């Protein structure tokens, strides 16, 4: 089913009966679900498998694992799909992979920059791998190319979703002339790497919780529920100040009109000192075997970091259920403490 992609959770995916038969009682999930996997994507595909990818601490390769159960991802065998090149624009940091099914092929978006040190390693751009092999774990992947946007600037965290028959791309980028590290953009897709229309700027970090350490809006994730489209994102520096925000649009609105979106004026998830979970963010959405909507995100279980937070390896993949209020808006409880998830 081509419409299943990272961070896209459509109404049909919530039906366990619509998927291949699996155990109706989930195994016990223990947080962290997977250690040292940041920027994690988990989704349950129509083939009945849960797939997980994410950034590795070395930032040097793209990985993928799968399991018949959500809990099983913690011990599932991990395949290396691709490693960064010896030189050139794909030889440095490899960040935030996202697996999608587009036009009968698997597409994995990722951000990459050149090696060599200095500021040049942050010449990050979005690229993609692709394969038409039905099994992404054993496929031969090839580099599809670089995402084409209006500006040749810092770009990462691309995610694709389908809304009312149109496939969109949402991503984070530094726009020339705006004094921020990254903003959020949206556009329909013509191909996996070309836009069908000029992008709309959805959000710029201006609120106090969005500009702590760095002025960041990044890691958009889509949740389609209860007649609305919810776009969650992450903000501020990647230490304990990292947190999640949310934009909301009506399902029947023009998503390419920035005025259709309303930004929450407070973060929807932040650090929980009481639970010893710090810097929650870069989330995705999935469903457990009981049909519960689940939030996937990374966070550390300590606050103090020595050196650059991006070089600290212990951003772990975590999961927990999502609740909804009386108006059908998702409620993200404080990140739960380490241990078995009830």
C-alpha atoms as a PDB file:
ATOM      1  CA  UNK A   1       0.000   0.000   0.000  1.00  0.00           C
ATOM      2  CA  UNK A   2       1.819   3.077  -1.257  1.00  0.00           C
ATOM      3  CA  UNK A   3       0.212   5.515   1.142  1.00  0.00           C
ATOM      4  CA  UNK A   4       1.917   4.048   4.194  1.00  0.00           C
ATOM      5  CA  UNK A   5       4.928   6.118   5.101  1.00  0.00           C
ATOM      6  CA  UNK A   6       6.980   7.467   7.954  1.00  0.00           C
ATOM      7  CA  UNK A   7       5.012   9.508  10.506  1.00  0.00           C
ATOM      8  CA  UNK A   8       1.768   9.041   8.512  1.00  0.00           C
ATOM      9  CA  UNK A   9      -0.967   7.395  10.542  1.00  0.00           C
ATOM     10  CA  UNK A  10      -4.179   7.137   8.536  1.00  0.00           C
ATOM     11  CA  UNK A  11      -7.490   5.930   9.876  1.00  0.00           C
ATOM     12  CA  UNK A  12      -7.295   2.569   8.101  1.00  0.00           C
ATOM     13  CA  UNK A  13      -4.033   1.716   9.821  1.00  0.00           C
ATOM     14  CA  UNK A  14      -5.822   1.765  13.148  1.00  0.00           C
ATOM     15  CA  UNK A  15      -7.806  -1.308  12.214  1.00  0.00           C
ATOM     16  CA  UNK A  16      -6.020  -4.453  13.334  1.00  0.00           C
ATOM     17  CA  UNK A  17      -8.497  -6.512  11.310  1.00  0.00           C
ATOM     18  CA  UNK A  18      -7.341  -4.800   8.109  1.00  0.00           C
ATOM     19  CA  UNK A  19      -3.820  -6.155   8.578  1.00  0.00           C
ATOM     20  CA  UNK A  20      -2.473  -9.720   8.363  1.00  0.00           C
ATOM     21  CA  UNK A  21      -3.346 -11.772  11.411  1.00  0.00           C
ATOM     22  CA  UNK A  22      -1.081 -11.086  14.374  1.00  0.00           C
ATOM     23  CA  UNK A  23      -1.304 -11.783  18.068  1.00  0.00           C
ATOM     24  CA  UNK A  24      -4.026  -9.598  19.546  1.00  0.00           C
ATOM     25  CA  UNK A  25      -2.241  -9.265  22.887  1.00  0.00           C
ATOM     26  CA  UNK A  26       1.012  -7.284  22.588  1.00  0.00           C
ATOM     27  CA  UNK A  27       4.128  -8.460  24.294  1.00  0.00           C
ATOM     28  CA  UNK A  28       5.399  -6.268  27.073  1.00  0.00           C
ATOM     29  CA  UNK A  29       7.139  -3.170  25.769  1.00  0.00           C
ATOM     30  CA  UNK A  30      10.108  -1.997  27.800  1.00  0.00           C
ATOM     31  CA  UNK A  31      11.410   1.556  27.414  1.00  0.00           C
ATOM     32  CA  UNK A  32      13.769   2.428  25.930  1.00  0.00           C
ATOM     33  CA  UNK A  33      12.535   0.288  23.063  1.00  0.00           C
ATOM     34  CA  UNK A  34      15.865   0.541  21.199  1.00  0.00           C
ATOM     35  CA  UNK A  35      18.979   2.102  22.656  1.00  0.00           C
ATOM     36  CA  UNK A  36      21.149   4.551  20.728  1.00  0.00           C
ATOM     37  CA  UNK A  37      18.727   5.041  17.865  1.00  0.00           C
ATOM     38  CA  UNK A  38      17.777   8.707  17.528  1.00  0.00           C
ATOM     39  CA  UNK A  39      15.304  10.304  15.087  1.00  0.00           C
ATOM     40  CA  UNK A  40      13.416   7.031  15.064  1.00  0.00           C
ATOM     41  CA  UNK A  41      10.732   5.989  12.632  1.00  0.00           C
ATOM     42  CA  UNK A  42       8.473   3.081  13.532  1.00  0.00           C
ATOM     43  CA  UNK A  43       5.503   2.119  11.409  1.00  0.00           C
ATOM     44  CA  UNK A  44       3.364  -0.951  10.911  1.00  0.00           C
ATOM     45  CA  UNK A  45       3.135  -1.766   7.228  1.00  0.00           C
ATOM     46  CA  UNK A  46       0.269  -3.657   5.571  1.00  0.00           C
ATOM     47  CA  UNK A  47       2.544  -6.706   5.287  1.00  0.00           C
ATOM     48  CA  UNK A  48       2.133  -7.090   9.063  1.00  0.00           C
ATOM     49  CA  UNK A  49       5.699  -6.105   9.961  1.00  0.00           C
ATOM     50  CA  UNK A  50       6.822  -3.263  12.185  1.00  0.00           C
ATOM     51  CA  UNK A  51       9.756  -1.421  10.610  1.00  0.00           C
ATOM     52  CA  UNK A  52      12.235   0.787  12.480  1.00  0.00           C
ATOM     53  CA  UNK A  53      15.017   3.026  11.263  1.00  0.00           C
ATOM     54  CA  UNK A  54      16.892   5.900  12.880  1.00  0.00           C
ATOM     55  CA  UNK A  55      20.179   7.742  13.220  1.00  0.00           C
ATOM     56  CA  UNK A  56      23.101   5.720  14.561  1.00  0.00           C
ATOM     57  CA  UNK A  57      25.627   7.391  16.922  1.00  0.00           C
ATOM     58  CA  UNK A  58      28.370   7.184  14.283  1.00  0.00           C
ATOM     59  CA  UNK A  59      26.182   8.962  11.673  1.00  0.00           C
ATOM     60  CA  UNK A  60      27.806   6.810   9.003  1.00  0.00           C
ATOM     61  CA  UNK A  61      25.138   4.407   7.692  1.00  0.00           C
ATOM     62  CA  UNK A  62      21.457   3.745   7.059  1.00  0.00           C
ATOM     63  CA  UNK A  63      19.897   0.858   8.972  1.00  0.00           C
ATOM     64  CA  UNK A  64      16.570  -0.955   9.120  1.00  0.00           C
ATOM     65  CA  UNK A  65      15.060  -3.615  11.359  1.00  0.00           C
ATOM     66  CA  UNK A  66      11.658  -5.262  11.515  1.00  0.00           C
ATOM     67  CA  UNK A  67       9.583  -7.407  13.813  1.00  0.00           C
ATOM     68  CA  UNK A  68       6.141  -8.981  13.954  1.00  0.00           C
ATOM     69  CA  UNK A  69       5.594  -7.173  17.254  1.00  0.00           C
ATOM     70  CA  UNK A  70       6.333  -3.684  18.443  1.00  0.00           C
ATOM     71  CA  UNK A  71       8.231  -4.992  21.455  1.00  0.00           C
ATOM     72  CA  UNK A  72      10.253  -7.307  19.236  1.00  0.00           C
ATOM     73  CA  UNK A  73      11.968  -4.369  17.550  1.00  0.00           C
ATOM     74  CA  UNK A  74      14.226  -4.093  20.579  1.00  0.00           C
ATOM     75  CA  UNK A  75      16.044  -7.338  19.692  1.00  0.00           C
ATOM     76  CA  UNK A  76      15.330  -7.597  15.947  1.00  0.00           C
ATOM     77  CA  UNK A  77      18.228  -8.132  13.568  1.00  0.00           C
ATOM     78  CA  UNK A  78      19.312  -4.868  11.971  1.00  0.00           C
ATOM     79  CA  UNK A  79      20.340  -4.637   8.314  1.00  0.00           C
ATOM     80  CA  UNK A  80      22.763  -2.044   6.987  1.00  0.00           C
ATOM     81  CA  UNK A  81      21.219  -0.724   3.771  1.00  0.00           C
ATOM     82  CA  UNK A  82      23.940   1.754   2.783  1.00  0.00           C
ATOM     83  CA  UNK A  83      27.094   3.415   4.144  1.00  0.00           C
ATOM     84  CA  UNK A  84      28.346   6.916   3.519  1.00  0.00           C
ATOM     85  CA  UNK A  85      30.800   7.379   0.679  1.00  0.00           C
ATOM     86  CA  UNK A  86      34.553   7.875   1.016  1.00  0.00           C
ATOM     87  CA  UNK A  87      34.365  11.445  -0.263  1.00  0.00           C
ATOM     88  CA  UNK A  88      31.990  14.004  -1.668  1.00  0.00           C
ATOM     89  CA  UNK A  89      28.609  15.355  -0.474  1.00  0.00           C
ATOM     90  CA  UNK A  90      27.551  12.007   1.059  1.00  0.00           C
ATOM     91  CA  UNK A  91      30.768  11.285   2.977  1.00  0.00           C
ATOM     92  CA  UNK A  92      30.041  13.007   6.296  1.00  0.00           C
ATOM     93  CA  UNK A  93      27.150  12.940   8.752  1.00  0.00           C
ATOM     94  CA  UNK A  94      24.173  10.776   7.795  1.00  0.00           C
ATOM     95  CA  UNK A  95      21.054  11.846   9.703  1.00  0.00           C
ATOM     96  CA  UNK A  96      17.392  11.045  10.232  1.00  0.00           C
ATOM     97  CA  UNK A  97      16.451   8.317   7.740  1.00  0.00           C
ATOM     98  CA  UNK A  98      12.771   7.877   6.895  1.00  0.00           C
ATOM     99  CA  UNK A  99      11.319   4.927   4.985  1.00  0.00           C
ATOM    100  CA  UNK A 100       8.379   5.453   2.600  1.00  0.00           C
ATOM    101  CA  UNK A 101       6.501   3.505  -0.038  1.00  0.00           C
ATOM    102  CA  UNK A 102       6.029   5.745  -3.092  1.00  0.00           C
ATOM    103  CA  UNK A 103       5.012   4.761  -6.639  1.00  0.00           C
ATOM    104  CA  UNK A 104       5.566   1.023  -6.098  1.00  0.00           C
ATOM    105  CA  UNK A 105       9.060   1.506  -4.727  1.00  0.00           C
ATOM    106  CA  UNK A 106      10.675   1.878  -1.340  1.00  0.00           C
ATOM    107  CA  UNK A 107      12.217   5.306  -0.799  1.00  0.00           C
ATOM    108  CA  UNK A 108      14.428   6.192   2.140  1.00  0.00           C
ATOM    109  CA  UNK A 109      14.992   9.895   2.688  1.00  0.00           C
ATOM    110  CA  UNK A 110      18.049  10.939   4.674  1.00  0.00           C
ATOM    111  CA  UNK A 111      20.151  14.017   5.323  1.00  0.00           C
ATOM    112  CA  UNK A 112      23.851  14.032   4.506  1.00  0.00           C
ATOM    113  CA  UNK A 113      26.845  16.323   4.365  1.00  0.00           C
ATOM    114  CA  UNK A 114      30.498  16.102   3.286  1.00  0.00           C
ATOM    115  CA  UNK A 115      33.345  14.979   5.512  1.00  0.00           C
ATOM    116  CA  UNK A 116      36.455  17.054   6.184  1.00  0.00           C
ATOM    117  CA  UNK A 117      35.640  18.871   9.392  1.00  0.00           C
ATOM    118  CA  UNK A 118      34.816  22.483  10.052  1.00  0.00           C
ATOM    119  CA  UNK A 119      31.613  24.210   9.069  1.00  0.00           C
ATOM    120  CA  UNK A 120      31.447  22.252   5.814  1.00  0.00           C
ATOM    121  CA  UNK A 121      30.226  19.098   7.611  1.00  0.00           C
ATOM    122  CA  UNK A 122      26.995  20.980   8.261  1.00  0.00           C
ATOM    123  CA  UNK A 123      26.422  21.513   4.554  1.00  0.00           C
ATOM    124  CA  UNK A 124      23.500  19.153   5.085  1.00  0.00           C
ATOM    125  CA  UNK A 125      21.102  18.369   2.246  1.00  0.00           C
ATOM    126  CA  UNK A 126      18.300  15.825   1.824  1.00  0.00           C
ATOM    127  CA  UNK A 127      18.903  12.825  -0.419  1.00  0.00           C
ATOM    128  CA  UNK A 128      17.141   9.528  -1.015  1.00  0.00           C
ATOM    129  CA  UNK A 129      17.813   5.866  -1.666  1.00  0.00           C
ATOM    130  CA  UNK A 130      15.341   3.742  -3.620  1.00  0.00           C
ATOM    131  CA  UNK A 131      14.612   0.137  -4.518  1.00  0.00           C
ATOM    132  CA  UNK A 132      11.803  -1.699  -6.292  1.00  0.00           C
ATOM    133  CA  UNK A 133      12.597  -4.925  -4.480  1.00  0.00           C
ATOM    134  CA  UNK A 134       9.537  -5.893  -2.409  1.00  0.00           C
ATOM    135  CA  UNK A 135      11.704  -6.785   0.605  1.00  0.00           C
ATOM    136  CA  UNK A 136      13.476  -3.642   1.844  1.00  0.00           C
ATOM    137  CA  UNK A 137      15.611  -5.630   4.281  1.00  0.00           C
ATOM    138  CA  UNK A 138      17.340  -7.625   1.548  1.00  0.00           C
ATOM    139  CA  UNK A 139      17.065  -5.210  -1.339  1.00  0.00           C
ATOM    140  CA  UNK A 140      19.835  -3.658  -3.384  1.00  0.00           C
ATOM    141  CA  UNK A 141      19.462   0.074  -2.777  1.00  0.00           C
ATOM    142  CA  UNK A 142      20.699   2.836  -5.070  1.00  0.00           C
ATOM    143  CA  UNK A 143      21.104   6.557  -4.499  1.00  0.00           C
ATOM    144  CA  UNK A 144      18.134   8.254  -6.135  1.00  0.00           C
ATOM    145  CA  UNK A 145      19.461  11.806  -5.862  1.00  0.00           C
ATOM    146  CA  UNK A 146      19.055  15.052  -3.939  1.00  0.00           C
ATOM    147  CA  UNK A 147      15.819  16.802  -3.039  1.00  0.00           C
ATOM    148  CA  UNK A 148      15.203  19.872  -5.198  1.00  0.00           C
ATOM    149  CA  UNK A 149      14.012  22.892  -3.210  1.00  0.00           C
ATOM    150  CA  UNK A 150      14.043  26.626  -4.048  1.00  0.00           C
ATOM    151  CA  UNK A 151      17.187  27.235  -1.982  1.00  0.00           C
ATOM    152  CA  UNK A 152      20.510  25.428  -1.763  1.00  0.00           C
ATOM    153  CA  UNK A 153      20.645  25.502   2.030  1.00  0.00           C
ATOM    154  CA  UNK A 154      20.635  23.342   5.159  1.00  0.00           C
ATOM    155  CA  UNK A 155      17.825  20.807   4.648  1.00  0.00           C
ATOM    156  CA  UNK A 156      16.773  17.731   6.617  1.00  0.00           C
ATOM    157  CA  UNK A 157      13.908  15.691   8.103  1.00  0.00           C
ATOM    158  CA  UNK A 158      11.812  15.131   4.987  1.00  0.00           C
ATOM    159  CA  UNK A 159       8.610  13.130   5.499  1.00  0.00           C
ATOM    160  CA  UNK A 160       5.962  12.208   2.938  1.00  0.00           C
ATOM    161  CA  UNK A 161       2.234  11.629   3.350  1.00  0.00           C
ATOM    162  CA  UNK A 162      -0.937  11.438   1.271  1.00  0.00           C
ATOM    163  CA  UNK A 163      -3.897  13.715   1.959  1.00  0.00           C
ATOM    164  CA  UNK A 164      -7.082  13.582  -0.119  1.00  0.00           C
ATOM    165  CA  UNK A 165      -5.278  11.875  -2.988  1.00  0.00           C
ATOM    166  CA  UNK A 166      -2.266  14.226  -3.114  1.00  0.00           C
ATOM    167  CA  UNK A 167       1.156  13.181  -1.944  1.00  0.00           C
ATOM    168  CA  UNK A 168       2.945  15.871   0.068  1.00  0.00           C
ATOM    169  CA  UNK A 169       6.419  16.379   1.443  1.00  0.00           C
ATOM    170  CA  UNK A 170       7.089  18.201   4.716  1.00  0.00           C
ATOM    171  CA  UNK A 171      10.622  19.110   5.746  1.00  0.00           C
ATOM    172  CA  UNK A 172      12.896  21.448   7.693  1.00  0.00           C
ATOM    173  CA  UNK A 173      15.162  23.983   5.984  1.00  0.00           C
ATOM    174  CA  UNK A 174      17.152  27.136   6.584  1.00  0.00           C
ATOM    175  CA  UNK A 175      15.691  29.819   4.336  1.00  0.00           C
ATOM    176  CA  UNK A 176      17.970  32.637   3.163  1.00  0.00           C
ATOM    177  CA  UNK A 177      16.973  35.940   4.704  1.00  0.00           C
ATOM    178  CA  UNK A 178      15.398  34.415   7.826  1.00  0.00           C
ATOM    179  CA  UNK A 179      17.669  34.373  10.873  1.00  0.00           C
ATOM    180  CA  UNK A 180      16.785  30.911  12.127  1.00  0.00           C
ATOM    181  CA  UNK A 181      18.455  27.522  11.999  1.00  0.00           C
ATOM    182  CA  UNK A 182      15.472  25.831  10.341  1.00  0.00           C
ATOM    183  CA  UNK A 183      11.784  26.380   9.558  1.00  0.00           C
ATOM    184  CA  UNK A 184       9.033  23.995   8.421  1.00  0.00           C
ATOM    185  CA  UNK A 185       7.871  23.725   4.799  1.00  0.00           C
ATOM    186  CA  UNK A 186       5.230  21.806   2.855  1.00  0.00           C
ATOM    187  CA  UNK A 187       4.702  21.092  -0.850  1.00  0.00           C
ATOM    188  CA  UNK A 188       2.997  18.525  -3.092  1.00  0.00           C
ATOM    189  CA  UNK A 189       5.349  16.082  -4.783  1.00  0.00           C
ATOM    190  CA  UNK A 190       5.782  15.486  -8.506  1.00  0.00           C
ATOM    191  CA  UNK A 191       8.381  12.746  -7.917  1.00  0.00           C
ATOM    192  CA  UNK A 192      10.004  11.621  -4.675  1.00  0.00           C
ATOM    193  CA  UNK A 193      12.660  14.340  -5.093  1.00  0.00           C
ATOM    194  CA  UNK A 194      10.905  17.101  -7.041  1.00  0.00           C
ATOM    195  CA  UNK A 195       8.161  19.448  -5.865  1.00  0.00           C
ATOM    196  CA  UNK A 196       4.953  19.893  -7.843  1.00  0.00           C
ATOM    197  CA  UNK A 197       4.455  23.470  -6.616  1.00  0.00           C
ATOM    198  CA  UNK A 198       6.376  26.139  -4.701  1.00  0.00           C
ATOM    199  CA  UNK A 199       6.541  25.302  -0.997  1.00  0.00           C
ATOM    200  CA  UNK A 200       4.589  27.040   1.726  1.00  0.00           C
ATOM    201  CA  UNK A 201       6.359  28.055   4.925  1.00  0.00           C
ATOM    202  CA  UNK A 202       4.303  26.608   7.787  1.00  0.00           C
ATOM    203  CA  UNK A 203       6.255  27.600  10.869  1.00  0.00           C
ATOM    204  CA  UNK A 204       9.206  29.721  11.973  1.00  0.00           C
ATOM    205  CA  UNK A 205      10.646  29.345  15.498  1.00  0.00           C
ATOM    206  CA  UNK A 206       9.652  32.480  17.403  1.00  0.00           C
ATOM    207  CA  UNK A 207       8.212  31.288  20.714  1.00  0.00           C
ATOM    208  CA  UNK A 208      10.535  31.145  23.712  1.00  0.00           C
ATOM    209  CA  UNK A 209      10.483  27.330  23.887  1.00  0.00           C
ATOM    210  CA  UNK A 210      11.399  27.093  20.179  1.00  0.00           C
ATOM    211  CA  UNK A 211      14.597  29.165  20.372  1.00  0.00           C
ATOM    212  CA  UNK A 212      16.478  27.793  23.392  1.00  0.00           C
ATOM    213  CA  UNK A 213      20.070  27.233  22.304  1.00  0.00           C
ATOM    214  CA  UNK A 214      19.125  27.292  18.615  1.00  0.00           C
ATOM    215  CA  UNK A 215      16.191  28.672  16.647  1.00  0.00           C
ATOM    216  CA  UNK A 216      14.815  25.364  15.428  1.00  0.00           C
ATOM    217  CA  UNK A 217      11.640  23.919  13.959  1.00  0.00           C
ATOM    218  CA  UNK A 218      12.423  20.461  12.574  1.00  0.00           C
ATOM    219  CA  UNK A 219      11.291  16.817  12.325  1.00  0.00           C
ATOM    220  CA  UNK A 220       7.701  17.262  11.094  1.00  0.00           C
ATOM    221  CA  UNK A 221       5.399  14.268  11.663  1.00  0.00           C
ATOM    222  CA  UNK A 222       1.845  13.804  10.439  1.00  0.00           C
ATOM    223  CA  UNK A 223      -1.123  12.366  12.346  1.00  0.00           C
ATOM    224  CA  UNK A 224      -4.510  12.366  10.577  1.00  0.00           C
ATOM    225  CA  UNK A 225      -7.305  11.926  13.083  1.00  0.00           C
ATOM    226  CA  UNK A 226     -10.807  13.159  13.991  1.00  0.00           C
ATOM    227  CA  UNK A 227     -11.302  15.418  10.978  1.00  0.00           C
ATOM    228  CA  UNK A 228      -7.982  17.189  11.370  1.00  0.00           C
ATOM    229  CA  UNK A 229      -4.373  17.004  10.294  1.00  0.00           C
ATOM    230  CA  UNK A 230      -1.910  17.318  13.161  1.00  0.00           C
ATOM    231  CA  UNK A 231       1.712  18.142  12.374  1.00  0.00           C
ATOM    232  CA  UNK A 232       4.055  17.662  15.310  1.00  0.00           C
ATOM    233  CA  UNK A 233       7.601  18.966  15.222  1.00  0.00           C
ATOM    234  CA  UNK A 234      10.658  19.453  17.428  1.00  0.00           C
ATOM    235  CA  UNK A 235      12.212  22.683  18.671  1.00  0.00           C
ATOM    236  CA  UNK A 236      15.315  24.176  20.355  1.00  0.00           C
ATOM    237  CA  UNK A 237      18.718  22.593  21.001  1.00  0.00           C
ATOM    238  CA  UNK A 238      19.126  18.806  21.104  1.00  0.00           C
ATOM    239  CA  UNK A 239      19.806  18.641  24.848  1.00  0.00           C
ATOM    240  CA  UNK A 240      17.251  18.672  27.699  1.00  0.00           C
ATOM    241  CA  UNK A 241      15.659  21.775  26.132  1.00  0.00           C
ATOM    242  CA  UNK A 242      14.530  19.802  23.082  1.00  0.00           C
ATOM    243  CA  UNK A 243      10.735  19.544  22.995  1.00  0.00           C
ATOM    244  CA  UNK A 244       7.722  18.974  20.756  1.00  0.00           C
ATOM    245  CA  UNK A 245       5.257  21.446  19.271  1.00  0.00           C
ATOM    246  CA  UNK A 246       2.188  20.968  17.090  1.00  0.00           C
ATOM    247  CA  UNK A 247       0.367  22.593  14.177  1.00  0.00           C
ATOM    248  CA  UNK A 248      -3.283  21.787  13.428  1.00  0.00           C
ATOM    249  CA  UNK A 249      -5.392  22.111  10.273  1.00  0.00           C
ATOM    250  CA  UNK A 250      -8.908  21.007   9.401  1.00  0.00           C
ATOM    251  CA  UNK A 251      -9.007  17.919   7.189  1.00  0.00           C
ATOM    252  CA  UNK A 252     -10.933  19.824   4.510  1.00  0.00           C
ATOM    253  CA  UNK A 253      -8.662  22.878   4.582  1.00  0.00           C
ATOM    254  CA  UNK A 254      -6.154  23.895   1.937  1.00  0.00           C
ATOM    255  CA  UNK A 255      -2.959  22.551   3.493  1.00  0.00           C
ATOM    256  CA  UNK A 256      -0.908  24.769   1.179  1.00  0.00           C
ATOM    257  CA  UNK A 257      -2.365  27.887   2.789  1.00  0.00           C
ATOM    258  CA  UNK A 258      -0.305  28.748   5.860  1.00  0.00           C
ATOM    259  CA  UNK A 259      -3.377  30.382   7.378  1.00  0.00           C
ATOM    260  CA  UNK A 260      -5.045  26.946   7.529  1.00  0.00           C
ATOM    261  CA  UNK A 261      -2.640  25.916  10.270  1.00  0.00           C
ATOM    262  CA  UNK A 262      -2.790  26.898  13.937  1.00  0.00           C
ATOM    263  CA  UNK A 263       0.295  26.614  16.121  1.00  0.00           C
ATOM    264  CA  UNK A 264       0.063  25.518  19.731  1.00  0.00           C
ATOM    265  CA  UNK A 265       1.488  28.325  21.855  1.00  0.00           C
ATOM    266  CA  UNK A 266       2.905  25.861  24.386  1.00  0.00           C
ATOM    267  CA  UNK A 267       4.959  22.719  23.757  1.00  0.00           C
ATOM    268  CA  UNK A 268       2.994  19.456  23.665  1.00  0.00           C
ATOM    269  CA  UNK A 269       5.808  17.387  25.221  1.00  0.00           C
ATOM    270  CA  UNK A 270       8.832  18.451  27.259  1.00  0.00           C
ATOM    271  CA  UNK A 271      11.512  17.005  29.532  1.00  0.00           C
ATOM    272  CA  UNK A 272      10.215  15.142  32.592  1.00  0.00           C
ATOM    273  CA  UNK A 273      12.639  15.576  35.518  1.00  0.00           C
ATOM    274  CA  UNK A 274      10.308  13.475  37.670  1.00  0.00           C
ATOM    275  CA  UNK A 275      10.623  10.523  35.279  1.00  0.00           C
ATOM    276  CA  UNK A 276      14.305  11.225  34.468  1.00  0.00           C
ATOM    277  CA  UNK A 277      13.622  11.541  30.725  1.00  0.00           C
ATOM    278  CA  UNK A 278      15.275  14.498  28.979  1.00  0.00           C
ATOM    279  CA  UNK A 279      14.879  16.149  25.585  1.00  0.00           C
ATOM    280  CA  UNK A 280      11.947  14.264  24.019  1.00  0.00           C
ATOM    281  CA  UNK A 281      11.484  14.877  20.316  1.00  0.00           C
ATOM    282  CA  UNK A 282      11.907  13.852  16.685  1.00  0.00           C
ATOM    283  CA  UNK A 283       8.799  11.736  16.842  1.00  0.00           C
ATOM    284  CA  UNK A 284       6.818   9.444  14.570  1.00  0.00           C
ATOM    285  CA  UNK A 285       3.501   7.620  14.923  1.00  0.00           C
ATOM    286  CA  UNK A 286       2.474   3.977  14.849  1.00  0.00           C
ATOM    287  CA  UNK A 287      -0.149   1.631  16.315  1.00  0.00           C
ATOM    288  CA  UNK A 288       0.335  -1.250  18.730  1.00  0.00           C
ATOM    289  CA  UNK A 289      -1.142  -4.721  18.344  1.00  0.00           C
ATOM    290  CA  UNK A 290      -4.210  -3.688  20.339  1.00  0.00           C
ATOM    291  CA  UNK A 291      -4.901  -0.849  17.934  1.00  0.00           C
ATOM    292  CA  UNK A 292      -3.762   1.952  20.263  1.00  0.00           C
ATOM    293  CA  UNK A 293      -2.203   5.019  18.682  1.00  0.00           C
ATOM    294  CA  UNK A 294       1.420   5.190  19.811  1.00  0.00           C
ATOM    295  CA  UNK A 295       3.946   7.998  19.922  1.00  0.00           C
ATOM    296  CA  UNK A 296       7.530   7.143  18.988  1.00  0.00           C
ATOM    297  CA  UNK A 297      10.263   9.580  20.010  1.00  0.00           C
ATOM    298  CA  UNK A 298      13.838   9.753  21.220  1.00  0.00           C
ATOM    299  CA  UNK A 299      15.117  11.051  24.553  1.00  0.00           C
ATOM    300  CA  UNK A 300      17.991  10.630  26.980  1.00  0.00           C
ATOM    301  CA  UNK A 301      17.689   9.287  30.509  1.00  0.00           C
ATOM    302  CA  UNK A 302      20.163  11.795  31.961  1.00  0.00           C
ATOM    303  CA  UNK A 303      20.448  15.569  31.722  1.00  0.00           C
ATOM    304  CA  UNK A 304      24.154  16.425  31.911  1.00  0.00           C
ATOM    305  CA  UNK A 305      26.008  16.100  28.613  1.00  0.00           C
ATOM    306  CA  UNK A 306      29.712  16.523  28.044  1.00  0.00           C
ATOM    307  CA  UNK A 307      30.550  18.274  24.771  1.00  0.00           C
ATOM    308  CA  UNK A 308      28.301  18.592  21.737  1.00  0.00           C
ATOM    309  CA  UNK A 309      24.875  16.998  22.363  1.00  0.00           C
ATOM    310  CA  UNK A 310      24.879  15.674  18.797  1.00  0.00           C
ATOM    311  CA  UNK A 311      27.928  13.558  19.654  1.00  0.00           C
ATOM    312  CA  UNK A 312      26.348  12.105  22.770  1.00  0.00           C
ATOM    313  CA  UNK A 313      25.210   8.614  21.668  1.00  0.00           C
ATOM    314  CA  UNK A 314      22.391   8.012  24.125  1.00  0.00           C
ATOM    315  CA  UNK A 315      19.269   9.330  22.481  1.00  0.00           C
ATOM    316  CA  UNK A 316      17.136   6.201  22.780  1.00  0.00           C
ATOM    317  CA  UNK A 317      13.975   5.217  20.893  1.00  0.00           C
ATOM    318  CA  UNK A 318      10.929   5.235  23.174  1.00  0.00           C
ATOM    319  CA  UNK A 319       7.207   4.556  22.710  1.00  0.00           C
ATOM    320  CA  UNK A 320       4.056   5.325  24.680  1.00  0.00           C
ATOM    321  CA  UNK A 321       0.291   5.577  24.023  1.00  0.00           C
ATOM    322  CA  UNK A 322      -1.473   8.713  22.810  1.00  0.00           C
ATOM    323  CA  UNK A 323      -4.693   9.943  24.422  1.00  0.00           C
ATOM    324  CA  UNK A 324      -7.315  12.258  22.909  1.00  0.00           C
ATOM    325  CA  UNK A 325      -9.250  15.009  24.647  1.00  0.00           C
ATOM    326  CA  UNK A 326     -12.987  15.644  24.303  1.00  0.00           C
ATOM    327  CA  UNK A 327     -12.381  17.629  21.098  1.00  0.00           C
ATOM    328  CA  UNK A 328     -10.372  14.804  19.512  1.00  0.00           C
ATOM    329  CA  UNK A 329      -7.011  16.531  19.880  1.00  0.00           C
ATOM    330  CA  UNK A 330      -4.060  14.259  20.733  1.00  0.00           C
ATOM    331  CA  UNK A 331      -2.703  14.507  24.247  1.00  0.00           C
ATOM    332  CA  UNK A 332       0.954  13.605  24.705  1.00  0.00           C
ATOM    333  CA  UNK A 333       1.541  12.694  28.332  1.00  0.00           C
ATOM    334  CA  UNK A 334       4.937  13.453  29.895  1.00  0.00           C
ATOM    335  CA  UNK A 335       7.541  10.917  28.736  1.00  0.00           C
ATOM    336  CA  UNK A 336       7.218   7.804  30.861  1.00  0.00           C
ATOM    337  CA  UNK A 337      10.064   6.518  32.978  1.00  0.00           C
ATOM    338  CA  UNK A 338      12.307   3.674  31.906  1.00  0.00           C
ATOM    339  CA  UNK A 339      10.789   0.254  32.385  1.00  0.00           C
ATOM    340  CA  UNK A 340       7.835  -1.845  31.274  1.00  0.00           C
ATOM    341  CA  UNK A 341       5.035   0.059  29.547  1.00  0.00           C
ATOM    342  CA  UNK A 342       1.572  -0.747  30.908  1.00  0.00           C
END
